[in-house]
């Protein structure tokens, strides 16, 4: 898979927990499914629209997939598209950038950038 960065959408309290604890076991849906749901840049807008519509105080974390090792699996989801799934905790060490979910002039989710 060519994508080396994936994204996790987090509620404000989840982002705070990740920063304070250095790791995040997952949102309720992640815990129920047994893995942390991630999205590629191309999948992120649809993920936000489908699972976080109308929610305020969201954050986006950019995850360096090369740090996840065997815990990362690409598995089919919406319409058979392959999504990155993390079978383990999301650690702050694997997050290369994060910030509040913001949109550009066209309404697309802005990707967080480091620095």
PDB file of N, CA and C in Angstrom:
ATOM      1  N   UNK A   1       0.853  -1.178   0.000  1.00  0.00           N
ATOM      2  CA  UNK A   1       0.000   0.000   0.000  1.00  0.00           C
ATOM      3  C   UNK A   1       0.896   1.238   0.000  1.00  0.00           C
ATOM      4  N   UNK A   2       0.616   2.164  -0.859  1.00  0.00           N
ATOM      5  CA  UNK A   2       1.472   3.333  -1.034  1.00  0.00           C
ATOM      6  C   UNK A   2       1.290   4.360   0.077  1.00  0.00           C
ATOM      7  N   UNK A   3       0.127   4.430   0.682  1.00  0.00           N
ATOM      8  CA  UNK A   3      -0.120   5.442   1.711  1.00  0.00           C
ATOM      9  C   UNK A   3       0.758   5.168   2.932  1.00  0.00           C
ATOM     10  N   UNK A   4       1.512   6.168   3.350  1.00  0.00           N
ATOM     11  CA  UNK A   4       2.356   6.038   4.534  1.00  0.00           C
ATOM     12  C   UNK A   4       1.814   6.811   5.728  1.00  0.00           C
ATOM     13  N   UNK A   5       0.778   7.610   5.474  1.00  0.00           N
ATOM     14  CA  UNK A   5       0.138   8.372   6.545  1.00  0.00           C
ATOM     15  C   UNK A   5      -1.360   8.099   6.488  1.00  0.00           C
ATOM     16  N   UNK A   6      -1.939   7.850   7.648  1.00  0.00           N
ATOM     17  CA  UNK A   6      -3.391   7.704   7.754  1.00  0.00           C
ATOM     18  C   UNK A   6      -3.855   8.656   8.850  1.00  0.00           C
ATOM     19  N   UNK A   7      -5.152   8.776   8.981  1.00  0.00           N
ATOM     20  CA  UNK A   7      -5.721   9.780   9.868  1.00  0.00           C
ATOM     21  C   UNK A   7      -6.753   9.157  10.797  1.00  0.00           C
ATOM     22  N   UNK A   8      -6.750   9.643  12.039  1.00  0.00           N
ATOM     23  CA  UNK A   8      -7.723   9.232  13.040  1.00  0.00           C
ATOM     24  C   UNK A   8      -8.491  10.468  13.473  1.00  0.00           C
ATOM     25  N   UNK A   9      -9.811  10.405  13.392  1.00  0.00           N
ATOM     26  CA  UNK A   9     -10.670  11.486  13.876  1.00  0.00           C
ATOM     27  C   UNK A   9     -10.977  11.189  15.341  1.00  0.00           C
ATOM     28  N   UNK A  10     -10.771  12.186  16.177  1.00  0.00           N
ATOM     29  CA  UNK A  10     -10.935  12.025  17.617  1.00  0.00           C
ATOM     30  C   UNK A  10     -11.832  13.116  18.181  1.00  0.00           C
ATOM     31  N   UNK A  11     -12.645  12.748  19.168  1.00  0.00           N
ATOM     32  CA  UNK A  11     -13.383  13.737  19.938  1.00  0.00           C
ATOM     33  C   UNK A  11     -12.397  14.459  20.849  1.00  0.00           C
ATOM     34  N   UNK A  12     -12.762  15.626  21.335  1.00  0.00           N
ATOM     35  CA  UNK A  12     -11.847  16.429  22.151  1.00  0.00           C
ATOM     36  C   UNK A  12     -11.327  15.657  23.359  1.00  0.00           C
ATOM     37  N   UNK A  13     -12.195  14.916  24.048  1.00  0.00           N
ATOM     38  CA  UNK A  13     -11.737  14.177  25.229  1.00  0.00           C
ATOM     39  C   UNK A  13     -10.825  13.022  24.842  1.00  0.00           C
ATOM     40  N   UNK A  14     -11.031  12.438  23.655  1.00  0.00           N
ATOM     41  CA  UNK A  14     -10.159  11.366  23.183  1.00  0.00           C
ATOM     42  C   UNK A  14      -8.773  11.923  22.847  1.00  0.00           C
ATOM     43  N   UNK A  15      -8.731  13.095  22.220  1.00  0.00           N
ATOM     44  CA  UNK A  15      -7.457  13.734  21.900  1.00  0.00           C
ATOM     45  C   UNK A  15      -6.717  14.085  23.180  1.00  0.00           C
ATOM     46  N   UNK A  16      -7.445  14.603  24.164  1.00  0.00           N
ATOM     47  CA  UNK A  16      -6.835  14.946  25.453  1.00  0.00           C
ATOM     48  C   UNK A  16      -6.253  13.704  26.123  1.00  0.00           C
ATOM     49  N   UNK A  17      -6.978  12.594  26.035  1.00  0.00           N
ATOM     50  CA  UNK A  17      -6.505  11.333  26.623  1.00  0.00           C
ATOM     51  C   UNK A  17      -5.232  10.858  25.919  1.00  0.00           C
ATOM     52  N   UNK A  18      -5.205  10.940  24.595  1.00  0.00           N
ATOM     53  CA  UNK A  18      -4.020  10.529  23.830  1.00  0.00           C
ATOM     54  C   UNK A  18      -2.813  11.377  24.249  1.00  0.00           C
ATOM     55  N   UNK A  19      -3.007  12.682  24.362  1.00  0.00           N
ATOM     56  CA  UNK A  19      -1.902  13.563  24.741  1.00  0.00           C
ATOM     57  C   UNK A  19      -1.456  13.317  26.184  1.00  0.00           C
ATOM     58  N   UNK A  20      -2.393  13.126  27.088  1.00  0.00           N
ATOM     59  CA  UNK A  20      -2.056  12.953  28.509  1.00  0.00           C
ATOM     60  C   UNK A  20      -1.433  11.592  28.804  1.00  0.00           C
ATOM     61  N   UNK A  21      -2.007  10.544  28.202  1.00  0.00           N
ATOM     62  CA  UNK A  21      -1.565   9.180  28.502  1.00  0.00           C
ATOM     63  C   UNK A  21      -0.476   8.677  27.561  1.00  0.00           C
ATOM     64  N   UNK A  22      -0.362   9.307  26.379  1.00  0.00           N
ATOM     65  CA  UNK A  22       0.610   8.847  25.392  1.00  0.00           C
ATOM     66  C   UNK A  22       0.104   7.698  24.540  1.00  0.00           C
ATOM     67  N   UNK A  23      -1.142   7.294  24.783  1.00  0.00           N
ATOM     68  CA  UNK A  23      -1.743   6.220  23.982  1.00  0.00           C
ATOM     69  C   UNK A  23      -3.262   6.321  24.058  1.00  0.00           C
ATOM     70  N   UNK A  24      -3.908   5.661  23.120  1.00  0.00           N
ATOM     71  CA  UNK A  24      -5.366   5.687  23.029  1.00  0.00           C
ATOM     72  C   UNK A  24      -5.819   4.315  22.548  1.00  0.00           C
ATOM     73  N   UNK A  25      -6.630   3.642  23.362  1.00  0.00           N
ATOM     74  CA  UNK A  25      -7.091   2.294  23.026  1.00  0.00           C
ATOM     75  C   UNK A  25      -8.173   2.307  21.953  1.00  0.00           C
ATOM     76  N   UNK A  26      -8.874   3.438  21.801  1.00  0.00           N
ATOM     77  CA  UNK A  26      -9.901   3.528  20.772  1.00  0.00           C
ATOM     78  C   UNK A  26     -11.194   4.114  21.285  1.00  0.00           C
ATOM     79  N   UNK A  27     -11.969   4.601  20.337  1.00  0.00           N
ATOM     80  CA  UNK A  27     -13.319   5.083  20.604  1.00  0.00           C
ATOM     81  C   UNK A  27     -14.221   3.865  20.827  1.00  0.00           C
ATOM     82  N   UNK A  28     -15.430   4.069  21.308  1.00  0.00           N
ATOM     83  CA  UNK A  28     -16.324   2.921  21.523  1.00  0.00           C
ATOM     84  C   UNK A  28     -16.468   2.016  20.292  1.00  0.00           C
ATOM     85  N   UNK A  29     -16.565   2.586  19.094  1.00  0.00           N
ATOM     86  CA  UNK A  29     -16.693   1.758  17.894  1.00  0.00           C
ATOM     87  C   UNK A  29     -15.418   0.953  17.643  1.00  0.00           C
ATOM     88  N   UNK A  30     -14.256   1.553  17.944  1.00  0.00           N
ATOM     89  CA  UNK A  30     -12.995   0.833  17.783  1.00  0.00           C
ATOM     90  C   UNK A  30     -12.930  -0.350  18.736  1.00  0.00           C
ATOM     91  N   UNK A  31     -13.279  -0.101  19.984  1.00  0.00           N
ATOM     92  CA  UNK A  31     -13.247  -1.162  20.988  1.00  0.00           C
ATOM     93  C   UNK A  31     -14.214  -2.280  20.628  1.00  0.00           C
ATOM     94  N   UNK A  32     -15.387  -1.928  20.119  1.00  0.00           N
ATOM     95  CA  UNK A  32     -16.378  -2.932  19.729  1.00  0.00           C
ATOM     96  C   UNK A  32     -15.888  -3.764  18.540  1.00  0.00           C
ATOM     97  N   UNK A  33     -15.199  -3.117  17.590  1.00  0.00           N
ATOM     98  CA  UNK A  33     -14.736  -3.821  16.390  1.00  0.00           C
ATOM     99  C   UNK A  33     -13.402  -4.525  16.588  1.00  0.00           C
ATOM    100  N   UNK A  34     -12.674  -4.182  17.634  1.00  0.00           N
ATOM    101  CA  UNK A  34     -11.410  -4.847  17.920  1.00  0.00           C
ATOM    102  C   UNK A  34     -10.198  -4.211  17.259  1.00  0.00           C
ATOM    103  N   UNK A  35     -10.347  -3.033  16.688  1.00  0.00           N
ATOM    104  CA  UNK A  35      -9.224  -2.322  16.072  1.00  0.00           C
ATOM    105  C   UNK A  35      -9.553  -0.835  15.998  1.00  0.00           C
ATOM    106  N   UNK A  36      -8.492  -0.029  15.866  1.00  0.00           N
ATOM    107  CA  UNK A  36      -8.650   1.413  15.727  1.00  0.00           C
ATOM    108  C   UNK A  36      -8.852   1.717  14.248  1.00  0.00           C
ATOM    109  N   UNK A  37      -9.968   2.354  13.939  1.00  0.00           N
ATOM    110  CA  UNK A  37     -10.290   2.732  12.562  1.00  0.00           C
ATOM    111  C   UNK A  37      -9.444   3.929  12.143  1.00  0.00           C
ATOM    112  N   UNK A  38      -8.777   3.803  11.010  1.00  0.00           N
ATOM    113  CA  UNK A  38      -8.023   4.903  10.419  1.00  0.00           C
ATOM    114  C   UNK A  38      -8.536   5.115   8.999  1.00  0.00           C
ATOM    115  N   UNK A  39      -8.220   6.263   8.427  1.00  0.00           N
ATOM    116  CA  UNK A  39      -8.611   6.576   7.056  1.00  0.00           C
ATOM    117  C   UNK A  39      -7.428   7.181   6.320  1.00  0.00           C
ATOM    118  N   UNK A  40      -7.344   6.906   5.029  1.00  0.00           N
ATOM    119  CA  UNK A  40      -6.348   7.590   4.210  1.00  0.00           C
ATOM    120  C   UNK A  40      -6.832   9.015   3.970  1.00  0.00           C
ATOM    121  N   UNK A  41      -5.964   9.836   3.392  1.00  0.00           N
ATOM    122  CA  UNK A  41      -6.354  11.209   3.070  1.00  0.00           C
ATOM    123  C   UNK A  41      -7.561  11.217   2.145  1.00  0.00           C
ATOM    124  N   UNK A  42      -7.583  10.310   1.182  1.00  0.00           N
ATOM    125  CA  UNK A  42      -8.690  10.250   0.222  1.00  0.00           C
ATOM    126  C   UNK A  42      -9.995   9.789   0.864  1.00  0.00           C
ATOM    127  N   UNK A  43      -9.929   9.063   1.968  1.00  0.00           N
ATOM    128  CA  UNK A  43     -11.112   8.524   2.637  1.00  0.00           C
ATOM    129  C   UNK A  43     -11.635   9.428   3.753  1.00  0.00           C
ATOM    130  N   UNK A  44     -10.831  10.413   4.164  1.00  0.00           N
ATOM    131  CA  UNK A  44     -11.121  11.173   5.371  1.00  0.00           C
ATOM    132  C   UNK A  44     -12.419  11.974   5.300  1.00  0.00           C
ATOM    133  N   UNK A  45     -12.667  12.679   4.199  1.00  0.00           N
ATOM    134  CA  UNK A  45     -13.894  13.482   4.108  1.00  0.00           C
ATOM    135  C   UNK A  45     -15.140  12.618   4.264  1.00  0.00           C
ATOM    136  N   UNK A  46     -15.159  11.462   3.610  1.00  0.00           N
ATOM    137  CA  UNK A  46     -16.325  10.579   3.711  1.00  0.00           C
ATOM    138  C   UNK A  46     -16.466  10.020   5.123  1.00  0.00           C
ATOM    139  N   UNK A  47     -15.346   9.692   5.759  1.00  0.00           N
ATOM    140  CA  UNK A  47     -15.392   9.195   7.134  1.00  0.00           C
ATOM    141  C   UNK A  47     -16.014  10.234   8.060  1.00  0.00           C
ATOM    142  N   UNK A  48     -15.576  11.485   7.929  1.00  0.00           N
ATOM    143  CA  UNK A  48     -16.115  12.550   8.780  1.00  0.00           C
ATOM    144  C   UNK A  48     -17.607  12.729   8.505  1.00  0.00           C
ATOM    145  N   UNK A  49     -17.994  12.760   7.227  1.00  0.00           N
ATOM    146  CA  UNK A  49     -19.405  12.960   6.866  1.00  0.00           C
ATOM    147  C   UNK A  49     -20.270  11.810   7.372  1.00  0.00           C
ATOM    148  N   UNK A  50     -19.772  10.595   7.288  1.00  0.00           N
ATOM    149  CA  UNK A  50     -20.570   9.425   7.646  1.00  0.00           C
ATOM    150  C   UNK A  50     -20.648   9.192   9.158  1.00  0.00           C
ATOM    151  N   UNK A  51     -19.549   9.421   9.858  1.00  0.00           N
ATOM    152  CA  UNK A  51     -19.489   9.031  11.269  1.00  0.00           C
ATOM    153  C   UNK A  51     -19.447  10.187  12.267  1.00  0.00           C
ATOM    154  N   UNK A  52     -19.222  11.417  11.773  1.00  0.00           N
ATOM    155  CA  UNK A  52     -19.070  12.536  12.694  1.00  0.00           C
ATOM    156  C   UNK A  52     -19.901  13.753  12.295  1.00  0.00           C
ATOM    157  N   UNK A  53     -20.910  13.564  11.462  1.00  0.00           N
ATOM    158  CA  UNK A  53     -21.736  14.680  10.986  1.00  0.00           C
ATOM    159  C   UNK A  53     -22.347  15.428  12.176  1.00  0.00           C
ATOM    160  N   UNK A  54     -22.207  16.742  12.150  1.00  0.00           N
ATOM    161  CA  UNK A  54     -22.796  17.575  13.180  1.00  0.00           C
ATOM    162  C   UNK A  54     -22.036  17.625  14.487  1.00  0.00           C
ATOM    163  N   UNK A  55     -20.950  16.886  14.594  1.00  0.00           N
ATOM    164  CA  UNK A  55     -20.172  16.874  15.841  1.00  0.00           C
ATOM    165  C   UNK A  55     -19.245  18.081  15.881  1.00  0.00           C
ATOM    166  N   UNK A  56     -19.097  18.649  17.031  1.00  0.00           N
ATOM    167  CA  UNK A  56     -18.203  19.784  17.248  1.00  0.00           C
ATOM    168  C   UNK A  56     -16.979  19.313  18.033  1.00  0.00           C
ATOM    169  N   UNK A  57     -15.931  20.100  17.998  1.00  0.00           N
ATOM    170  CA  UNK A  57     -14.755  19.818  18.816  1.00  0.00           C
ATOM    171  C   UNK A  57     -13.967  18.606  18.373  1.00  0.00           C
ATOM    172  N   UNK A  58     -13.954  18.333  17.084  1.00  0.00           N
ATOM    173  CA  UNK A  58     -13.225  17.178  16.569  1.00  0.00           C
ATOM    174  C   UNK A  58     -11.761  17.530  16.309  1.00  0.00           C
ATOM    175  N   UNK A  59     -10.922  16.520  16.387  1.00  0.00           N
ATOM    176  CA  UNK A  59      -9.506  16.639  16.071  1.00  0.00           C
ATOM    177  C   UNK A  59      -9.148  15.592  15.033  1.00  0.00           C
ATOM    178  N   UNK A  60      -8.083  15.874  14.291  1.00  0.00           N
ATOM    179  CA  UNK A  60      -7.547  14.914  13.329  1.00  0.00           C
ATOM    180  C   UNK A  60      -6.086  14.678  13.675  1.00  0.00           C
ATOM    181  N   UNK A  61      -5.725  13.410  13.804  1.00  0.00           N
ATOM    182  CA  UNK A  61      -4.339  13.024  14.071  1.00  0.00           C
ATOM    183  C   UNK A  61      -3.779  12.315  12.843  1.00  0.00           C
ATOM    184  N   UNK A  62      -2.601  12.741  12.409  1.00  0.00           N
ATOM    185  CA  UNK A  62      -1.899  12.101  11.295  1.00  0.00           C
ATOM    186  C   UNK A  62      -0.985  11.029  11.874  1.00  0.00           C
ATOM    187  N   UNK A  63      -1.141   9.807  11.394  1.00  0.00           N
ATOM    188  CA  UNK A  63      -0.429   8.659  11.940  1.00  0.00           C
ATOM    189  C   UNK A  63       0.575   8.147  10.911  1.00  0.00           C
ATOM    190  N   UNK A  64       1.824   8.000  11.335  1.00  0.00           N
ATOM    191  CA  UNK A  64       2.871   7.439  10.484  1.00  0.00           C
ATOM    192  C   UNK A  64       2.709   5.925  10.482  1.00  0.00           C
ATOM    193  N   UNK A  65       2.211   5.400   9.375  1.00  0.00           N
ATOM    194  CA  UNK A  65       1.914   3.972   9.304  1.00  0.00           C
ATOM    195  C   UNK A  65       3.163   3.105   9.403  1.00  0.00           C
ATOM    196  N   UNK A  66       4.317   3.645   9.045  1.00  0.00           N
ATOM    197  CA  UNK A  66       5.549   2.849   9.095  1.00  0.00           C
ATOM    198  C   UNK A  66       5.938   2.484  10.520  1.00  0.00           C
ATOM    199  N   UNK A  67       5.347   3.152  11.515  1.00  0.00           N
ATOM    200  CA  UNK A  67       5.663   2.871  12.916  1.00  0.00           C
ATOM    201  C   UNK A  67       4.786   1.767  13.513  1.00  0.00           C
ATOM    202  N   UNK A  68       3.787   1.320  12.764  1.00  0.00           N
ATOM    203  CA  UNK A  68       2.790   0.408  13.346  1.00  0.00           C
ATOM    204  C   UNK A  68       3.120  -1.067  13.182  1.00  0.00           C
ATOM    205  N   UNK A  69       4.034  -1.395  12.302  1.00  0.00           N
ATOM    206  CA  UNK A  69       4.460  -2.780  12.127  1.00  0.00           C
ATOM    207  C   UNK A  69       3.314  -3.705  11.773  1.00  0.00           C
ATOM    208  N   UNK A  70       3.366  -4.902  12.361  1.00  0.00           N
ATOM    209  CA  UNK A  70       2.369  -5.936  12.066  1.00  0.00           C
ATOM    210  C   UNK A  70       0.992  -5.623  12.640  1.00  0.00           C
ATOM    211  N   UNK A  71       0.879  -4.597  13.478  1.00  0.00           N
ATOM    212  CA  UNK A  71      -0.422  -4.226  14.050  1.00  0.00           C
ATOM    213  C   UNK A  71      -1.316  -3.548  13.008  1.00  0.00           C
ATOM    214  N   UNK A  72      -0.730  -3.125  11.885  1.00  0.00           N
ATOM    215  CA  UNK A  72      -1.496  -2.474  10.820  1.00  0.00           C
ATOM    216  C   UNK A  72      -1.950  -3.507   9.798  1.00  0.00           C
ATOM    217  N   UNK A  73      -3.231  -3.455   9.476  1.00  0.00           N
ATOM    218  CA  UNK A  73      -3.780  -4.326   8.421  1.00  0.00           C
ATOM    219  C   UNK A  73      -4.656  -3.479   7.515  1.00  0.00           C
ATOM    220  N   UNK A  74      -4.536  -3.713   6.215  1.00  0.00           N
ATOM    221  CA  UNK A  74      -5.405  -3.065   5.227  1.00  0.00           C
ATOM    222  C   UNK A  74      -6.546  -4.021   4.950  1.00  0.00           C
ATOM    223  N   UNK A  75      -7.768  -3.610   5.279  1.00  0.00           N
ATOM    224  CA  UNK A  75      -8.920  -4.488   5.161  1.00  0.00           C
ATOM    225  C   UNK A  75     -10.070  -3.788   4.445  1.00  0.00           C
ATOM    226  N   UNK A  76     -10.874  -4.565   3.711  1.00  0.00           N
ATOM    227  CA  UNK A  76     -11.996  -3.956   2.983  1.00  0.00           C
ATOM    228  C   UNK A  76     -13.068  -3.435   3.933  1.00  0.00           C
ATOM    229  N   UNK A  77     -13.627  -2.295   3.546  1.00  0.00           N
ATOM    230  CA  UNK A  77     -14.723  -1.699   4.298  1.00  0.00           C
ATOM    231  C   UNK A  77     -15.698  -1.118   3.298  1.00  0.00           C
ATOM    232  N   UNK A  78     -16.065   0.162   3.448  1.00  0.00           N
ATOM    233  CA  UNK A  78     -17.058   0.797   2.581  1.00  0.00           C
ATOM    234  C   UNK A  78     -16.812   0.465   1.116  1.00  0.00           C
ATOM    235  N   UNK A  79     -17.781  -0.183   0.493  1.00  0.00           N
ATOM    236  CA  UNK A  79     -17.708  -0.455  -0.939  1.00  0.00           C
ATOM    237  C   UNK A  79     -16.514  -1.300  -1.344  1.00  0.00           C
ATOM    238  N   UNK A  80     -15.932  -2.025  -0.421  1.00  0.00           N
ATOM    239  CA  UNK A  80     -14.787  -2.865  -0.729  1.00  0.00           C
ATOM    240  C   UNK A  80     -13.457  -2.138  -0.710  1.00  0.00           C
ATOM    241  N   UNK A  81     -13.454  -0.834  -0.443  1.00  0.00           N
ATOM    242  CA  UNK A  81     -12.198  -0.077  -0.381  1.00  0.00           C
ATOM    243  C   UNK A  81     -11.364  -0.560   0.799  1.00  0.00           C
ATOM    244  N   UNK A  82     -10.056  -0.575   0.630  1.00  0.00           N
ATOM    245  CA  UNK A  82      -9.163  -0.981   1.709  1.00  0.00           C
ATOM    246  C   UNK A  82      -8.919   0.183   2.659  1.00  0.00           C
ATOM    247  N   UNK A  83      -9.131  -0.087   3.936  1.00  0.00           N
ATOM    248  CA  UNK A  83      -8.919   0.904   4.982  1.00  0.00           C
ATOM    249  C   UNK A  83      -7.817   0.409   5.912  1.00  0.00           C
ATOM    250  N   UNK A  84      -7.014   1.325   6.461  1.00  0.00           N
ATOM    251  CA  UNK A  84      -6.010   0.928   7.452  1.00  0.00           C
ATOM    252  C   UNK A  84      -6.668   0.722   8.815  1.00  0.00           C
ATOM    253  N   UNK A  85      -6.410  -0.438   9.392  1.00  0.00           N
ATOM    254  CA  UNK A  85      -6.935  -0.768  10.715  1.00  0.00           C
ATOM    255  C   UNK A  85      -5.757  -1.086  11.627  1.00  0.00           C
ATOM    256  N   UNK A  86      -5.756  -0.495  12.810  1.00  0.00           N
ATOM    257  CA  UNK A  86      -4.688  -0.693  13.790  1.00  0.00           C
ATOM    258  C   UNK A  86      -5.164  -1.649  14.868  1.00  0.00           C
ATOM    259  N   UNK A  87      -4.557  -2.830  14.905  1.00  0.00           N
ATOM    260  CA  UNK A  87      -4.873  -3.827  15.923  1.00  0.00           C
ATOM    261  C   UNK A  87      -3.918  -3.635  17.101  1.00  0.00           C
ATOM    262  N   UNK A  88      -4.202  -2.632  17.877  1.00  0.00           N
ATOM    263  CA  UNK A  88      -3.387  -2.267  19.027  1.00  0.00           C
ATOM    264  C   UNK A  88      -3.708  -0.836  19.400  1.00  0.00           C
ATOM    265  N   UNK A  89      -2.970  -0.311  20.334  1.00  0.00           N
ATOM    266  CA  UNK A  89      -3.202   1.064  20.777  1.00  0.00           C
ATOM    267  C   UNK A  89      -2.555   2.051  19.820  1.00  0.00           C
ATOM    268  N   UNK A  90      -3.228   3.176  19.661  1.00  0.00           N
ATOM    269  CA  UNK A  90      -2.639   4.302  18.940  1.00  0.00           C
ATOM    270  C   UNK A  90      -1.746   5.028  19.947  1.00  0.00           C
ATOM    271  N   UNK A  91      -0.469   5.156  19.628  1.00  0.00           N
ATOM    272  CA  UNK A  91       0.456   5.824  20.540  1.00  0.00           C
ATOM    273  C   UNK A  91       0.793   7.212  20.014  1.00  0.00           C
ATOM    274  N   UNK A  92       1.049   8.106  20.939  1.00  0.00           N
ATOM    275  CA  UNK A  92       1.417   9.465  20.564  1.00  0.00           C
ATOM    276  C   UNK A  92       2.715   9.466  19.762  1.00  0.00           C
ATOM    277  N   UNK A  93       3.579   8.502  20.006  1.00  0.00           N
ATOM    278  CA  UNK A  93       4.836   8.393  19.254  1.00  0.00           C
ATOM    279  C   UNK A  93       4.603   8.172  17.763  1.00  0.00           C
ATOM    280  N   UNK A  94       3.484   7.543  17.400  1.00  0.00           N
ATOM    281  CA  UNK A  94       3.197   7.277  15.983  1.00  0.00           C
ATOM    282  C   UNK A  94       2.463   8.436  15.310  1.00  0.00           C
ATOM    283  N   UNK A  95       2.040   9.426  16.104  1.00  0.00           N
ATOM    284  CA  UNK A  95       1.314  10.585  15.574  1.00  0.00           C
ATOM    285  C   UNK A  95       2.330  11.661  15.197  1.00  0.00           C
ATOM    286  N   UNK A  96       2.331  12.038  13.922  1.00  0.00           N
ATOM    287  CA  UNK A  96       3.314  13.018  13.455  1.00  0.00           C
ATOM    288  C   UNK A  96       2.753  14.442  13.432  1.00  0.00           C
ATOM    289  N   UNK A  97       1.447  14.585  13.500  1.00  0.00           N
ATOM    290  CA  UNK A  97       0.805  15.901  13.548  1.00  0.00           C
ATOM    291  C   UNK A  97      -0.632  15.709  14.014  1.00  0.00           C
ATOM    292  N   UNK A  98      -1.167  16.741  14.639  1.00  0.00           N
ATOM    293  CA  UNK A  98      -2.589  16.722  15.007  1.00  0.00           C
ATOM    294  C   UNK A  98      -3.070  18.149  15.169  1.00  0.00           C
ATOM    295  N   UNK A  99      -4.367  18.298  15.088  1.00  0.00           N
ATOM    296  CA  UNK A  99      -4.957  19.606  15.284  1.00  0.00           C
ATOM    297  C   UNK A  99      -6.459  19.526  15.181  1.00  0.00           C
ATOM    298  N   UNK A 100      -7.125  20.633  15.484  1.00  0.00           N
ATOM    299  CA  UNK A 100      -8.588  20.668  15.366  1.00  0.00           C
ATOM    300  C   UNK A 100      -9.011  20.387  13.925  1.00  0.00           C
ATOM    301  N   UNK A 101     -10.133  19.724  13.758  1.00  0.00           N
ATOM    302  CA  UNK A 101     -10.657  19.479  12.420  1.00  0.00           C
ATOM    303  C   UNK A 101     -11.119  20.813  11.845  1.00  0.00           C
ATOM    304  N   UNK A 102     -10.509  21.180  10.736  1.00  0.00           N
ATOM    305  CA  UNK A 102     -10.862  22.403  10.025  1.00  0.00           C
ATOM    306  C   UNK A 102     -11.110  22.045   8.574  1.00  0.00           C
ATOM    307  N   UNK A 103     -11.822  22.919   7.888  1.00  0.00           N
ATOM    308  CA  UNK A 103     -12.130  22.684   6.474  1.00  0.00           C
ATOM    309  C   UNK A 103     -11.537  23.795   5.623  1.00  0.00           C
ATOM    310  N   UNK A 104     -11.198  23.439   4.376  1.00  0.00           N
ATOM    311  CA  UNK A 104     -10.681  24.440   3.449  1.00  0.00           C
ATOM    312  C   UNK A 104     -11.840  25.165   2.767  1.00  0.00           C
ATOM    313  N   UNK A 105     -11.534  26.036   1.821  1.00  0.00           N
ATOM    314  CA  UNK A 105     -12.564  26.839   1.152  1.00  0.00           C
ATOM    315  C   UNK A 105     -13.572  25.994   0.381  1.00  0.00           C
ATOM    316  N   UNK A 106     -13.173  24.787  -0.024  1.00  0.00           N
ATOM    317  CA  UNK A 106     -14.086  23.890  -0.748  1.00  0.00           C
ATOM    318  C   UNK A 106     -14.863  22.976   0.197  1.00  0.00           C
ATOM    319  N   UNK A 107     -14.584  23.069   1.496  1.00  0.00           N
ATOM    320  CA  UNK A 107     -15.303  22.251   2.462  1.00  0.00           C
ATOM    321  C   UNK A 107     -14.612  20.939   2.815  1.00  0.00           C
ATOM    322  N   UNK A 108     -13.458  20.669   2.209  1.00  0.00           N
ATOM    323  CA  UNK A 108     -12.724  19.433   2.503  1.00  0.00           C
ATOM    324  C   UNK A 108     -11.982  19.581   3.829  1.00  0.00           C
ATOM    325  N   UNK A 109     -11.804  18.457   4.512  1.00  0.00           N
ATOM    326  CA  UNK A 109     -11.068  18.454   5.773  1.00  0.00           C
ATOM    327  C   UNK A 109      -9.604  18.793   5.477  1.00  0.00           C
ATOM    328  N   UNK A 110      -9.072  19.749   6.237  1.00  0.00           N
ATOM    329  CA  UNK A 110      -7.650  20.084   6.128  1.00  0.00           C
ATOM    330  C   UNK A 110      -6.850  19.016   6.873  1.00  0.00           C
ATOM    331  N   UNK A 111      -5.793  18.567   6.245  1.00  0.00           N
ATOM    332  CA  UNK A 111      -4.921  17.576   6.888  1.00  0.00           C
ATOM    333  C   UNK A 111      -3.984  18.306   7.836  1.00  0.00           C
ATOM    334  N   UNK A 112      -3.777  17.764   9.040  1.00  0.00           N
ATOM    335  CA  UNK A 112      -2.853  18.415   9.963  1.00  0.00           C
ATOM    336  C   UNK A 112      -1.414  18.294   9.455  1.00  0.00           C
ATOM    337  N   UNK A 113      -0.633  19.315   9.712  1.00  0.00           N
ATOM    338  CA  UNK A 113       0.783  19.295   9.328  1.00  0.00           C
ATOM    339  C   UNK A 113       1.627  19.586  10.543  1.00  0.00           C
ATOM    340  N   UNK A 114       2.776  18.942  10.618  1.00  0.00           N
ATOM    341  CA  UNK A 114       3.692  19.157  11.731  1.00  0.00           C
ATOM    342  C   UNK A 114       4.392  20.487  11.577  1.00  0.00           C
ATOM    343  N   UNK A 115       4.701  21.108  12.700  1.00  0.00           N
ATOM    344  CA  UNK A 115       5.467  22.347  12.697  1.00  0.00           C
ATOM    345  C   UNK A 115       4.639  23.476  12.304  1.00  0.00           C
TER     346      UNK A 115
END
